[in-house]
N, C-alpha and C. Protein backbone atom coordinates (compact mmCIF):
# COMPACT_ATOMS: atom_id res chain seq x y z
N UNK A 1 112.59 189.44 166.74
CA UNK A 1 111.77 189.08 166.39
C UNK A 1 111.80 187.77 167.51
N UNK A 2 110.36 187.80 167.79
CA UNK A 2 110.19 186.27 168.58
C UNK A 2 109.85 184.85 167.83
N UNK A 3 111.29 183.94 167.69
CA UNK A 3 111.10 182.92 166.78
C UNK A 3 110.21 181.99 167.21
N UNK A 4 109.31 181.92 168.70
CA UNK A 4 109.23 181.16 168.99
C UNK A 4 107.64 180.60 168.44
N UNK A 5 107.36 179.20 167.93
CA UNK A 5 105.91 179.47 167.41
C UNK A 5 105.49 179.65 165.95
N UNK A 6 106.44 180.71 165.41
CA UNK A 6 106.04 181.14 163.83
C UNK A 6 107.04 180.46 162.94
N UNK A 7 106.98 179.28 162.32
CA UNK A 7 106.92 178.94 161.07
C UNK A 7 106.56 178.76 160.14
N UNK A 8 107.24 178.78 158.77
CA UNK A 8 106.68 178.94 157.76
C UNK A 8 107.40 177.36 156.64
N UNK A 9 107.15 176.20 156.30
CA UNK A 9 108.29 175.26 156.32
C UNK A 9 107.68 174.75 154.81
N UNK A 10 108.38 174.70 154.02
CA UNK A 10 108.59 174.08 152.58
C UNK A 10 109.03 172.76 152.02
N UNK A 11 108.37 171.83 152.50
CA UNK A 11 108.83 170.02 152.36
C UNK A 11 108.91 169.60 150.65
N UNK A 12 110.01 169.29 149.87
CA UNK A 12 109.93 169.03 148.75
C UNK A 12 110.21 167.58 148.81
N UNK A 13 109.53 167.17 147.73
CA UNK A 13 109.43 165.22 147.65
C UNK A 13 109.35 165.20 146.20
N UNK A 14 110.11 163.98 146.19
CA UNK A 14 110.22 163.39 144.77
C UNK A 14 109.39 162.47 144.54
N UNK A 15 108.85 162.00 143.34
CA UNK A 15 108.02 160.73 142.76
C UNK A 15 108.82 159.99 141.14
N UNK A 16 108.76 159.19 142.39
CA UNK A 16 109.33 158.62 140.51
C UNK A 16 108.50 158.23 139.67
N UNK A 17 107.58 157.92 139.69
CA UNK A 17 106.94 157.23 138.45
C UNK A 17 105.68 158.00 138.74
N UNK A 18 105.05 157.95 137.65
CA UNK A 18 103.56 159.00 137.43
C UNK A 18 102.39 157.84 138.04
N UNK A 19 101.65 157.96 138.63
CA UNK A 19 100.70 157.67 139.18
C UNK A 19 99.16 158.33 139.25
N UNK A 20 98.47 157.88 139.80
CA UNK A 20 97.17 158.44 139.72
C UNK A 20 96.36 158.37 141.15
N UNK A 21 96.65 159.01 142.35
CA UNK A 21 96.10 158.84 143.58
C UNK A 21 95.26 160.24 144.12
N UNK A 22 94.10 158.87 144.46
CA UNK A 22 92.94 159.36 145.38
C UNK A 22 93.35 160.22 146.84
N UNK A 23 93.06 161.60 146.50
CA UNK A 23 93.07 162.95 147.02
C UNK A 23 91.74 162.94 147.84
N UNK A 24 91.81 162.15 148.85
CA UNK A 24 90.34 162.38 149.72
C UNK A 24 89.11 162.78 148.88
N UNK A 25 88.04 164.47 149.27
CA UNK A 25 87.58 164.77 148.35
C UNK A 25 87.54 164.81 147.28
N UNK A 26 88.74 165.44 146.55
CA UNK A 26 89.17 165.67 145.30
C UNK A 26 89.15 164.65 144.47
N UNK A 27 88.82 163.38 145.01
CA UNK A 27 89.01 162.37 144.22
C UNK A 27 90.48 161.89 143.86
N UNK A 28 90.14 160.87 141.85
CA UNK A 28 91.69 160.52 141.68
C UNK A 28 92.20 161.81 141.36
N UNK A 29 93.71 161.94 141.51
CA UNK A 29 94.32 162.84 140.55
C UNK A 29 95.68 162.34 140.12
N UNK A 30 96.05 162.60 138.89
CA UNK A 30 97.59 162.28 138.32
C UNK A 30 98.24 163.20 138.32
N UNK A 31 99.21 162.80 138.69
CA UNK A 31 100.53 163.28 139.68
C UNK A 31 101.87 162.51 138.07
N UNK A 32 102.74 163.61 138.06
CA UNK A 32 103.41 163.44 137.05
C UNK A 32 104.50 163.17 137.58
N UNK A 33 105.82 161.99 137.31
CA UNK A 33 107.15 161.97 137.53
C UNK A 33 107.65 163.22 138.01
N UNK A 34 108.28 163.46 139.22
CA UNK A 34 108.59 164.81 139.30
C UNK A 34 108.89 165.52 140.80
N UNK A 35 109.50 166.42 140.68
CA UNK A 35 109.17 167.27 142.19
C UNK A 35 108.27 168.07 142.44
N UNK A 36 107.52 167.80 144.01
CA UNK A 36 106.68 168.47 144.56
C UNK A 36 107.04 169.39 145.80
N UNK A 37 106.36 170.92 146.01
CA UNK A 37 106.66 171.31 146.47
C UNK A 37 105.71 171.60 147.77
N UNK A 38 105.50 171.10 148.67
CA UNK A 38 104.39 171.92 149.76
C UNK A 38 105.06 172.75 151.24
N UNK A 39 103.88 173.71 151.12
CA UNK A 39 104.34 174.99 152.00
C UNK A 39 103.73 174.78 152.99
N UNK A 40 103.68 174.75 153.93
CA UNK A 40 102.39 174.93 155.00
C UNK A 40 102.92 175.18 156.33
N UNK A 41 102.26 176.07 157.40
CA UNK A 41 102.50 176.66 158.63
C UNK A 41 102.37 175.63 159.96
N UNK A 42 103.52 175.65 160.77
CA UNK A 42 103.61 174.99 161.81
C UNK A 42 104.02 176.16 162.76
N UNK A 43 103.00 176.68 163.09
CA UNK A 43 102.73 177.64 163.96
C UNK A 43 103.21 177.58 165.64
N UNK A 44 103.25 176.48 165.74
CA UNK A 44 102.93 175.23 167.24
C UNK A 44 104.85 174.80 167.58
N UNK A 45 105.28 175.13 166.72
CA UNK A 45 106.30 174.40 166.82
C UNK A 45 106.65 173.40 165.28
N UNK A 46 107.67 172.73 165.73
CA UNK A 46 108.27 171.67 164.68
C UNK A 46 106.96 170.18 164.53
N UNK A 47 106.42 170.04 165.59
CA UNK A 47 105.92 168.63 165.31
C UNK A 47 105.17 168.73 163.81
N UNK A 48 104.43 169.53 163.34
CA UNK A 48 103.64 169.06 161.97
C UNK A 48 104.49 168.59 161.05
N UNK A 49 105.51 169.31 160.89
CA UNK A 49 106.81 168.97 160.11
C UNK A 49 107.63 167.60 160.60
N UNK A 50 107.49 167.24 161.53
CA UNK A 50 108.15 165.81 161.45
C UNK A 50 106.88 164.85 161.16
N UNK A 51 105.76 164.60 161.84
CA UNK A 51 104.56 164.21 161.63
C UNK A 51 104.78 163.91 159.52
N UNK A 52 104.81 164.88 158.86
CA UNK A 52 105.30 164.93 157.20
C UNK A 52 106.33 163.80 156.82
N UNK A 53 107.34 164.12 158.21
CA UNK A 53 108.44 163.72 157.38
C UNK A 53 108.53 162.49 157.88
N UNK A 54 108.17 161.92 159.15
CA UNK A 54 107.78 159.97 158.70
C UNK A 54 106.94 159.38 158.37
N UNK A 55 105.75 160.20 157.41
CA UNK A 55 105.04 159.38 157.04
C UNK A 55 105.10 159.42 154.66
N UNK A 56 106.77 160.00 155.34
CA UNK A 56 107.34 159.81 153.51
C UNK A 56 107.79 158.31 153.55
N UNK A 57 107.00 157.74 152.11
CA UNK A 57 107.48 156.42 151.79
C UNK A 57 106.75 155.45 152.67
N UNK A 58 105.61 155.80 153.61
CA UNK A 58 105.21 155.10 154.52
C UNK A 58 103.46 154.66 153.77
N UNK A 59 102.46 153.45 154.52
CA UNK A 59 101.46 154.06 154.72
C UNK A 59 100.82 154.61 155.37
N UNK A 60 99.85 154.94 155.17
CA UNK A 60 99.32 156.29 156.18
C UNK A 60 97.22 155.97 155.87
N UNK A 61 97.24 155.62 156.86
CA UNK A 61 96.01 154.86 157.19
C UNK A 61 94.82 156.49 157.68
N UNK A 62 95.63 157.18 158.50
CA UNK A 62 95.19 158.91 158.96
C UNK A 62 95.64 159.81 158.01
N UNK A 63 94.74 160.14 156.49
CA UNK A 63 95.43 161.43 156.20
C UNK A 63 94.85 162.46 157.09
N UNK A 64 95.51 163.93 157.41
CA UNK A 64 94.71 164.95 157.49
C UNK A 64 94.68 166.18 156.38
N UNK A 65 95.57 165.85 155.95
CA UNK A 65 95.86 167.08 154.90
C UNK A 65 96.18 166.27 153.73
N UNK A 66 95.62 167.57 152.75
CA UNK A 66 95.44 167.11 150.89
C UNK A 66 97.14 166.38 151.07
N UNK A 67 98.57 166.70 151.49
CA UNK A 67 99.88 166.56 151.12
C UNK A 67 99.99 164.67 151.89
N UNK A 68 99.35 164.38 153.13
CA UNK A 68 99.23 163.09 152.77
C UNK A 68 98.72 161.93 152.17
N UNK A 69 98.16 162.49 151.20
CA UNK A 69 97.49 161.42 150.26
C UNK A 69 98.71 161.15 149.21
N UNK A 70 99.89 161.57 149.47
CA UNK A 70 101.16 162.33 148.29
C UNK A 70 102.08 161.20 149.11
N UNK A 71 102.50 161.66 150.16
CA UNK A 71 104.09 161.36 151.19
C UNK A 71 104.13 159.65 150.89
N UNK A 72 102.85 158.99 151.17
CA UNK A 72 103.53 157.36 150.68
C UNK A 72 104.38 157.06 149.56
N UNK A 73 103.97 157.91 148.03
CA UNK A 73 104.44 157.55 147.17
C UNK A 73 105.99 157.96 146.56
N UNK A 74 106.42 158.76 147.96
CA UNK A 74 107.23 160.10 147.44
C UNK A 74 108.57 159.43 147.83
N UNK A 75 109.75 160.27 148.04
CA UNK A 75 110.83 159.99 148.72
C UNK A 75 111.00 161.96 149.14
N UNK A 76 112.00 162.09 150.04
CA UNK A 76 112.02 163.15 151.07
C UNK A 76 113.47 163.87 149.79
N UNK A 77 113.15 165.08 149.54
CA UNK A 77 114.31 166.28 148.81
C UNK A 77 114.96 167.20 149.77
N UNK A 78 113.94 167.85 149.91
CA UNK A 78 114.30 168.94 150.84
C UNK A 78 113.92 169.48 152.12
N UNK A 79 114.18 170.78 152.61
CA UNK A 79 112.83 170.99 153.95
C UNK A 79 114.05 172.28 153.83
N UNK A 80 112.74 173.38 153.69
CA UNK A 80 112.88 174.92 154.13
C UNK A 80 112.42 174.62 155.31
N UNK A 81 112.79 176.08 156.17
CA UNK A 81 111.38 176.32 157.51
C UNK A 81 112.29 177.92 157.88
N UNK A 82 111.22 179.13 157.58
CA UNK A 82 111.06 179.81 157.48
C UNK A 82 110.46 180.93 158.85
N UNK A 83 110.95 181.51 159.57
CA UNK A 83 110.59 182.61 160.60
C UNK A 83 110.15 183.20 160.18
N UNK A 84 108.91 183.13 160.00
CA UNK A 84 107.42 183.81 159.18
C UNK A 84 106.39 183.62 160.35
N UNK A 85 105.74 184.54 160.21
CA UNK A 85 104.38 184.67 160.92
C UNK A 85 103.27 183.39 159.51
N UNK A 86 102.63 182.97 159.89
CA UNK A 86 101.36 182.28 159.16
C UNK A 86 100.86 182.84 157.87
N UNK A 87 100.83 184.03 157.85
CA UNK A 87 100.68 184.29 156.88
C UNK A 87 100.71 184.34 155.47
N UNK A 88 102.36 184.76 155.75
CA UNK A 88 103.21 184.37 154.22
C UNK A 88 103.32 183.06 153.82
N UNK A 89 102.37 182.04 154.27
CA UNK A 89 102.27 180.56 153.91
C UNK A 89 102.08 180.83 152.49
N UNK A 90 100.59 181.51 152.45
CA UNK A 90 100.37 181.33 150.63
C UNK A 90 101.37 182.09 150.11
N UNK A 91 102.06 183.48 150.29
CA UNK A 91 102.95 184.12 149.64
C UNK A 91 103.88 183.83 149.06
N UNK A 92 104.49 182.37 150.05
CA UNK A 92 105.78 181.83 149.82
C UNK A 92 105.55 180.97 148.86
N UNK A 93 103.88 179.83 148.74
CA UNK A 93 103.71 178.88 148.00
C UNK A 93 103.41 179.38 146.75
N UNK A 94 102.73 180.68 146.59
CA UNK A 94 102.53 180.94 144.79
C UNK A 94 103.56 181.44 144.44
N UNK A 95 104.74 182.11 145.48
CA UNK A 95 106.12 182.58 144.51
C UNK A 95 107.22 181.48 143.82
N UNK A 96 106.96 180.29 144.79
CA UNK A 96 107.09 178.87 144.32
C UNK A 96 106.61 178.40 142.89
N UNK A 97 105.29 178.68 142.89
CA UNK A 97 104.53 178.15 141.61
C UNK A 97 104.75 179.18 140.40
N UNK A 98 105.08 180.39 140.73
CA UNK A 98 105.67 181.55 139.71
C UNK A 98 107.27 180.79 139.14
N UNK A 99 108.09 180.45 139.99
CA UNK A 99 109.16 180.47 139.18
C UNK A 99 109.84 178.79 139.39
N UNK A 100 108.62 177.86 139.72
CA UNK A 100 108.89 176.49 138.87
C UNK A 100 107.88 176.37 138.46
């Protein structure tokens, strides 16, 4: 299998305290203290993963994805990168939702 450019990643973050966060057009969302997993595709390479990682715990004036609104308030817990086509992104996210 050609692994170049075919990646699905799951980023696990920890939110120390419960808080209400404005998430773009979704409005204010109440987040409980705990761990959060975000699964995304990085089909062009790892640039998107590094973009998310460098925004953890940092102010973000230019959010692009929903996760960008949560990143400034969290700490890094783990990262898993799988070599699957992007079609697996939703499958992985839903399976995580079933077991967590």
